[in-house]
Amino acid sequence: DPTALRRTVDTHNRAIDAGRPDPFGKPD
């Protein structure tokens, strides 16, 4: 699903940019 994958990537990247922890617990 391209829309869902784009959303997953954007959520992942925004969390890193904002300094938020990974929702799955991946170490920084």
PDB file of all heavy atoms in Angstrom:
ATOM      1  N   ASP A   1       0.852  -1.195   0.000  1.00  0.00           N
ATOM      2  CA  ASP A   1       0.000   0.000   0.000  1.00  0.00           C
ATOM      3  C   ASP A   1       0.891   1.249   0.000  1.00  0.00           C
ATOM      4  O   ASP A   1       1.566   1.522   1.003  1.00  0.00           O
ATOM      5  CB  ASP A   1      -0.888  -0.026   1.253  1.00  0.00           C
ATOM      6  CG  ASP A   1      -1.875   1.133   1.291  1.00  0.00           C
ATOM      7  OD1 ASP A   1      -1.560   2.220   0.779  1.00  0.00           O
ATOM      8  OD2 ASP A   1      -2.954   0.961   1.886  1.00  0.00           O
ATOM      9  N   PRO A   2       0.914   2.033  -1.081  1.00  0.00           N
ATOM     10  CA  PRO A   2       1.842   3.171  -1.168  1.00  0.00           C
ATOM     11  C   PRO A   2       1.513   4.299  -0.203  1.00  0.00           C
ATOM     12  O   PRO A   2       2.412   4.933   0.356  1.00  0.00           O
ATOM     13  CB  PRO A   2       1.707   3.624  -2.622  1.00  0.00           C
ATOM     14  CG  PRO A   2       0.358   3.136  -3.055  1.00  0.00           C
ATOM     15  CD  PRO A   2       0.118   1.871  -2.316  1.00  0.00           C
ATOM     16  N   THR A   3       0.229   4.568  -0.006  1.00  0.00           N
ATOM     17  CA  THR A   3      -0.162   5.643   0.905  1.00  0.00           C
ATOM     18  C   THR A   3       0.235   5.308   2.338  1.00  0.00           C
ATOM     19  O   THR A   3       0.771   6.154   3.066  1.00  0.00           O
ATOM     20  CB  THR A   3      -1.686   5.878   0.834  1.00  0.00           C
ATOM     21  OG1 THR A   3      -2.046   6.186  -0.519  1.00  0.00           O
ATOM     22  CG2 THR A   3      -2.097   7.021   1.745  1.00  0.00           C
ATOM     23  N   ALA A   4      -0.015   4.078   2.713  1.00  0.00           N
ATOM     24  CA  ALA A   4       0.325   3.664   4.068  1.00  0.00           C
ATOM     25  C   ALA A   4       1.834   3.657   4.290  1.00  0.00           C
ATOM     26  O   ALA A   4       2.321   4.042   5.363  1.00  0.00           O
ATOM     27  CB  ALA A   4      -0.250   2.289   4.354  1.00  0.00           C
ATOM     28  N   LEU A   5       2.602   3.212   3.293  1.00  0.00           N
ATOM     29  CA  LEU A   5       4.052   3.199   3.444  1.00  0.00           C
ATOM     30  C   LEU A   5       4.594   4.616   3.553  1.00  0.00           C
ATOM     31  O   LEU A   5       5.488   4.876   4.375  1.00  0.00           O
ATOM     32  CB  LEU A   5       4.708   2.473   2.273  1.00  0.00           C
ATOM     33  CG  LEU A   5       6.232   2.292   2.404  1.00  0.00           C
ATOM     34  CD1 LEU A   5       6.583   1.486   3.646  1.00  0.00           C
ATOM     35  CD2 LEU A   5       6.816   1.628   1.160  1.00  0.00           C
ATOM     36  N   ARG A   6       4.073   5.527   2.760  1.00  0.00           N
ATOM     37  CA  ARG A   6       4.487   6.924   2.873  1.00  0.00           C
ATOM     38  C   ARG A   6       4.190   7.459   4.267  1.00  0.00           C
ATOM     39  O   ARG A   6       5.023   8.147   4.879  1.00  0.00           O
ATOM     40  CB  ARG A   6       3.780   7.765   1.801  1.00  0.00           C
ATOM     41  CG  ARG A   6       3.872   9.276   2.004  1.00  0.00           C
ATOM     42  CD  ARG A   6       5.282   9.778   2.204  1.00  0.00           C
ATOM     43  NE  ARG A   6       6.070   9.666   0.996  1.00  0.00           N
ATOM     44  CZ  ARG A   6       7.377   9.917   0.937  1.00  0.00           C
ATOM     45  NH1 ARG A   6       8.046  10.242   2.039  1.00  0.00           N
ATOM     46  NH2 ARG A   6       8.034   9.797  -0.199  1.00  0.00           N
ATOM     47  N   ARG A   7       3.042   7.127   4.803  1.00  0.00           N
ATOM     48  CA  ARG A   7       2.678   7.580   6.153  1.00  0.00           C
ATOM     49  C   ARG A   7       3.642   6.986   7.191  1.00  0.00           C
ATOM     50  O   ARG A   7       4.059   7.685   8.124  1.00  0.00           O
ATOM     51  CB  ARG A   7       1.235   7.183   6.457  1.00  0.00           C
ATOM     52  CG  ARG A   7       0.724   7.692   7.788  1.00  0.00           C
ATOM     53  CD  ARG A   7      -0.793   7.578   7.881  1.00  0.00           C
ATOM     54  NE  ARG A   7      -1.255   6.215   7.643  1.00  0.00           N
ATOM     55  CZ  ARG A   7      -1.964   5.844   6.576  1.00  0.00           C
ATOM     56  NH1 ARG A   7      -2.276   6.722   5.635  1.00  0.00           N
ATOM     57  NH2 ARG A   7      -2.359   4.583   6.431  1.00  0.00           N
ATOM     58  N   THR A   8       3.998   5.727   7.025  1.00  0.00           N
ATOM     59  CA  THR A   8       4.925   5.080   7.949  1.00  0.00           C
ATOM     60  C   THR A   8       6.287   5.764   7.922  1.00  0.00           C
ATOM     61  O   THR A   8       6.889   6.043   8.971  1.00  0.00           O
ATOM     62  CB  THR A   8       5.089   3.592   7.581  1.00  0.00           C
ATOM     63  OG1 THR A   8       3.859   2.917   7.804  1.00  0.00           O
ATOM     64  CG2 THR A   8       6.183   2.926   8.409  1.00  0.00           C
ATOM     65  N   VAL A   9       6.794   6.050   6.732  1.00  0.00           N
ATOM     66  CA  VAL A   9       8.092   6.699   6.594  1.00  0.00           C
ATOM     67  C   VAL A   9       8.058   8.106   7.173  1.00  0.00           C
ATOM     68  O   VAL A   9       8.976   8.522   7.910  1.00  0.00           O
ATOM     69  CB  VAL A   9       8.527   6.723   5.113  1.00  0.00           C
ATOM     70  CG1 VAL A   9       9.777   7.586   4.931  1.00  0.00           C
ATOM     71  CG2 VAL A   9       8.784   5.313   4.605  1.00  0.00           C
ATOM     72  N   ASP A  10       6.999   8.867   6.870  1.00  0.00           N
ATOM     73  CA  ASP A  10       6.911  10.234   7.381  1.00  0.00           C
ATOM     74  C   ASP A  10       6.822  10.257   8.902  1.00  0.00           C
ATOM     75  O   ASP A  10       7.454  11.101   9.559  1.00  0.00           O
ATOM     76  CB  ASP A  10       5.691  10.936   6.784  1.00  0.00           C
ATOM     77  CG  ASP A  10       5.864  11.252   5.302  1.00  0.00           C
ATOM     78  OD1 ASP A  10       7.014  11.172   4.813  1.00  0.00           O
ATOM     79  OD2 ASP A  10       4.858  11.551   4.635  1.00  0.00           O
ATOM     80  N   THR A  11       6.054   9.339   9.469  1.00  0.00           N
ATOM     81  CA  THR A  11       5.929   9.265  10.930  1.00  0.00           C
ATOM     82  C   THR A  11       7.279   8.939  11.563  1.00  0.00           C
ATOM     83  O   THR A  11       7.669   9.530  12.579  1.00  0.00           O
ATOM     84  CB  THR A  11       4.897   8.186  11.322  1.00  0.00           C
ATOM     85  OG1 THR A  11       3.624   8.536  10.766  1.00  0.00           O
ATOM     86  CG2 THR A  11       4.783   8.075  12.835  1.00  0.00           C
ATOM     87  N   HIS A  12       7.990   8.011  10.956  1.00  0.00           N
ATOM     88  CA  HIS A  12       9.315   7.623  11.445  1.00  0.00           C
ATOM     89  C   HIS A  12      10.273   8.803  11.395  1.00  0.00           C
ATOM     90  O   HIS A  12      10.980   9.105  12.384  1.00  0.00           O
ATOM     91  CB  HIS A  12       9.838   6.478  10.581  1.00  0.00           C
ATOM     92  CG  HIS A  12      11.273   6.141  10.811  1.00  0.00           C
ATOM     93  ND1 HIS A  12      11.711   5.444  11.914  1.00  0.00           N
ATOM     94  CD2 HIS A  12      12.390   6.404  10.062  1.00  0.00           C
ATOM     95  CE1 HIS A  12      13.014   5.287  11.857  1.00  0.00           C
ATOM     96  NE2 HIS A  12      13.458   5.861  10.736  1.00  0.00           N
ATOM     97  N   ASN A  13      10.323   9.498  10.285  1.00  0.00           N
ATOM     98  CA  ASN A  13      11.260  10.609  10.116  1.00  0.00           C
ATOM     99  C   ASN A  13      10.916  11.781  11.019  1.00  0.00           C
ATOM    100  O   ASN A  13      11.816  12.417  11.599  1.00  0.00           O
ATOM    101  CB  ASN A  13      11.276  11.060   8.656  1.00  0.00           C
ATOM    102  CG  ASN A  13      11.885  10.016   7.731  1.00  0.00           C
ATOM    103  OD1 ASN A  13      12.544   9.080   8.185  1.00  0.00           O
ATOM    104  ND2 ASN A  13      11.655  10.168   6.436  1.00  0.00           N
ATOM    105  N   ARG A  14       9.629  12.101  11.164  1.00  0.00           N
ATOM    106  CA  ARG A  14       9.229  13.225  12.024  1.00  0.00           C
ATOM    107  C   ARG A  14       9.590  12.956  13.481  1.00  0.00           C
ATOM    108  O   ARG A  14       9.989  13.873  14.211  1.00  0.00           O
ATOM    109  CB  ARG A  14       7.738  13.500  11.879  1.00  0.00           C
ATOM    110  CG  ARG A  14       7.358  14.243  10.602  1.00  0.00           C
ATOM    111  CD  ARG A  14       5.948  14.823  10.703  1.00  0.00           C
ATOM    112  NE  ARG A  14       4.937  13.791  10.827  1.00  0.00           N
ATOM    113  CZ  ARG A  14       4.277  13.253   9.805  1.00  0.00           C
ATOM    114  NH1 ARG A  14       4.538  13.665   8.565  1.00  0.00           N
ATOM    115  NH2 ARG A  14       3.363  12.328  10.000  1.00  0.00           N
ATOM    116  N   ALA A  15       9.442  11.713  13.907  1.00  0.00           N
ATOM    117  CA  ALA A  15       9.781  11.367  15.289  1.00  0.00           C
ATOM    118  C   ALA A  15      11.270  11.598  15.549  1.00  0.00           C
ATOM    119  O   ALA A  15      11.659  12.099  16.613  1.00  0.00           O
ATOM    120  CB  ALA A  15       9.407   9.925  15.577  1.00  0.00           C
ATOM    121  N   ILE A  16      12.103  11.241  14.593  1.00  0.00           N
ATOM    122  CA  ILE A  16      13.549  11.468  14.744  1.00  0.00           C
ATOM    123  C   ILE A  16      13.844  12.959  14.783  1.00  0.00           C
ATOM    124  O   ILE A  16      14.597  13.446  15.650  1.00  0.00           O
ATOM    125  CB  ILE A  16      14.319  10.788  13.600  1.00  0.00           C
ATOM    126  CG1 ILE A  16      14.194   9.264  13.694  1.00  0.00           C
ATOM    127  CG2 ILE A  16      15.794  11.199  13.625  1.00  0.00           C
ATOM    128  CD1 ILE A  16      14.816   8.526  12.536  1.00  0.00           C
ATOM    129  N   ASP A  17      13.241  13.716  13.863  1.00  0.00           N
ATOM    130  CA  ASP A  17      13.476  15.167  13.801  1.00  0.00           C
ATOM    131  C   ASP A  17      13.042  15.855  15.088  1.00  0.00           C
ATOM    132  O   ASP A  17      13.687  16.811  15.542  1.00  0.00           O
ATOM    133  CB  ASP A  17      12.719  15.773  12.612  1.00  0.00           C
ATOM    134  CG  ASP A  17      13.294  15.329  11.269  1.00  0.00           C
ATOM    135  OD1 ASP A  17      14.455  14.868  11.257  1.00  0.00           O
ATOM    136  OD2 ASP A  17      12.579  15.423  10.252  1.00  0.00           O
ATOM    137  N   ALA A  18      11.957  15.372  15.691  1.00  0.00           N
ATOM    138  CA  ALA A  18      11.416  15.997  16.895  1.00  0.00           C
ATOM    139  C   ALA A  18      12.056  15.465  18.176  1.00  0.00           C
ATOM    140  O   ALA A  18      11.745  15.953  19.271  1.00  0.00           O
ATOM    141  CB  ALA A  18       9.899  15.786  16.951  1.00  0.00           C
ATOM    142  N   GLY A  19      12.933  14.477  18.043  1.00  0.00           N
ATOM    143  CA  GLY A  19      13.571  13.920  19.225  1.00  0.00           C
ATOM    144  C   GLY A  19      12.663  13.036  20.052  1.00  0.00           C
ATOM    145  O   GLY A  19      12.933  12.801  21.242  1.00  0.00           O
ATOM    146  N   ARG A  20      11.601  12.516  19.439  1.00  0.00           N
ATOM    147  CA  ARG A  20      10.689  11.620  20.159  1.00  0.00           C
ATOM    148  C   ARG A  20      11.194  10.183  20.083  1.00  0.00           C
ATOM    149  O   ARG A  20      11.829   9.790  19.097  1.00  0.00           O
ATOM    150  CB  ARG A  20       9.281  11.709  19.573  1.00  0.00           C
ATOM    151  CG  ARG A  20       8.608  13.060  19.740  1.00  0.00           C
ATOM    152  CD  ARG A  20       7.109  12.966  19.440  1.00  0.00           C
ATOM    153  NE  ARG A  20       6.852  12.514  18.084  1.00  0.00           N
ATOM    154  CZ  ARG A  20       6.733  13.328  17.027  1.00  0.00           C
ATOM    155  NH1 ARG A  20       6.870  14.634  17.185  1.00  0.00           N
ATOM    156  NH2 ARG A  20       6.488  12.831  15.830  1.00  0.00           N
ATOM    157  N   PRO A  21      10.905   9.374  21.098  1.00  0.00           N
ATOM    158  CA  PRO A  21      11.353   7.975  21.072  1.00  0.00           C
ATOM    159  C   PRO A  21      10.653   7.189  19.976  1.00  0.00           C
ATOM    160  O   PRO A  21       9.540   7.513  19.561  1.00  0.00           O
ATOM    161  CB  PRO A  21      10.983   7.457  22.462  1.00  0.00           C
ATOM    162  CG  PRO A  21       9.879   8.351  22.924  1.00  0.00           C
ATOM    163  CD  PRO A  21      10.182   9.696  22.343  1.00  0.00           C
ATOM    164  N   ASP A  22      11.310   6.153  19.524  1.00  0.00           N
ATOM    165  CA  ASP A  22      10.735   5.289  18.510  1.00  0.00           C
ATOM    166  C   ASP A  22       9.540   4.535  19.102  1.00  0.00           C
ATOM    167  O   ASP A  22       9.640   3.992  20.213  1.00  0.00           O
ATOM    168  CB  ASP A  22      11.779   4.287  18.030  1.00  0.00           C
ATOM    169  CG  ASP A  22      11.258   3.410  16.912  1.00  0.00           C
ATOM    170  OD1 ASP A  22      11.184   3.884  15.774  1.00  0.00           O
ATOM    171  OD2 ASP A  22      10.917   2.239  17.200  1.00  0.00           O
ATOM    172  N   PRO A  23       8.408   4.493  18.410  1.00  0.00           N
ATOM    173  CA  PRO A  23       7.224   3.815  18.973  1.00  0.00           C
ATOM    174  C   PRO A  23       7.419   2.320  19.182  1.00  0.00           C
ATOM    175  O   PRO A  23       6.708   1.701  19.973  1.00  0.00           O
ATOM    176  CB  PRO A  23       6.129   4.093  17.937  1.00  0.00           C
ATOM    177  CG  PRO A  23       6.855   4.431  16.674  1.00  0.00           C
ATOM    178  CD  PRO A  23       8.106   5.120  17.113  1.00  0.00           C
ATOM    179  N   PHE A  24       8.388   1.713  18.518  1.00  0.00           N
ATOM    180  CA  PHE A  24       8.652   0.287  18.696  1.00  0.00           C
ATOM    181  C   PHE A  24       9.845   0.039  19.621  1.00  0.00           C
ATOM    182  O   PHE A  24      10.239  -1.102  19.826  1.00  0.00           O
ATOM    183  CB  PHE A  24       8.887  -0.392  17.348  1.00  0.00           C
ATOM    184  CG  PHE A  24       7.633  -0.543  16.533  1.00  0.00           C
ATOM    185  CD1 PHE A  24       7.206   0.479  15.701  1.00  0.00           C
ATOM    186  CD2 PHE A  24       6.875  -1.703  16.606  1.00  0.00           C
ATOM    187  CE1 PHE A  24       6.044   0.345  14.942  1.00  0.00           C
ATOM    188  CE2 PHE A  24       5.710  -1.843  15.863  1.00  0.00           C
ATOM    189  CZ  PHE A  24       5.293  -0.811  15.032  1.00  0.00           C
ATOM    190  N   GLY A  25      10.415   1.132  20.144  1.00  0.00           N
ATOM    191  CA  GLY A  25      11.494   0.995  21.109  1.00  0.00           C
ATOM    192  C   GLY A  25      12.881   0.901  20.522  1.00  0.00           C
ATOM    193  O   GLY A  25      13.833   0.591  21.244  1.00  0.00           O
ATOM    194  N   LYS A  26      13.040   1.159  19.227  1.00  0.00           N
ATOM    195  CA  LYS A  26      14.379   1.069  18.641  1.00  0.00           C
ATOM    196  C   LYS A  26      15.299   2.090  19.304  1.00  0.00           C
ATOM    197  O   LYS A  26      14.940   3.262  19.456  1.00  0.00           O
ATOM    198  CB  LYS A  26      14.327   1.311  17.135  1.00  0.00           C
ATOM    199  CG  LYS A  26      15.694   1.193  16.458  1.00  0.00           C
ATOM    200  CD  LYS A  26      15.647   1.573  14.987  1.00  0.00           C
ATOM    201  CE  LYS A  26      15.009   0.502  14.144  1.00  0.00           C
ATOM    202  NZ  LYS A  26      15.161   0.781  12.688  1.00  0.00           N
ATOM    203  N   PRO A  27      16.517   1.680  19.694  1.00  0.00           N
ATOM    204  CA  PRO A  27      17.454   2.607  20.339  1.00  0.00           C
ATOM    205  C   PRO A  27      17.809   3.773  19.414  1.00  0.00           C
ATOM    206  O   PRO A  27      17.921   3.619  18.194  1.00  0.00           O
ATOM    207  CB  PRO A  27      18.680   1.733  20.616  1.00  0.00           C
ATOM    208  CG  PRO A  27      18.170   0.332  20.615  1.00  0.00           C
ATOM    209  CD  PRO A  27      17.043   0.307  19.632  1.00  0.00           C
ATOM    210  N   ASP A  28      18.005   4.937  20.011  1.00  0.00           N
ATOM    211  CA  ASP A  28      18.296   6.138  19.220  1.00  0.00           C
ATOM    212  C   ASP A  28      19.559   5.979  18.388  1.00  0.00           C
ATOM    213  O   ASP A  28      19.660   6.522  17.278  1.00  0.00           O
ATOM    214  CB  ASP A  28      18.442   7.353  20.149  1.00  0.00           C
ATOM    215  CG  ASP A  28      17.113   7.789  20.750  1.00  0.00           C
ATOM    216  OD1 ASP A  28      16.061   7.403  20.195  1.00  0.00           O
ATOM    217  OD2 ASP A  28      17.126   8.498  21.778  1.00  0.00           O
TER     218      ASP A  28
END
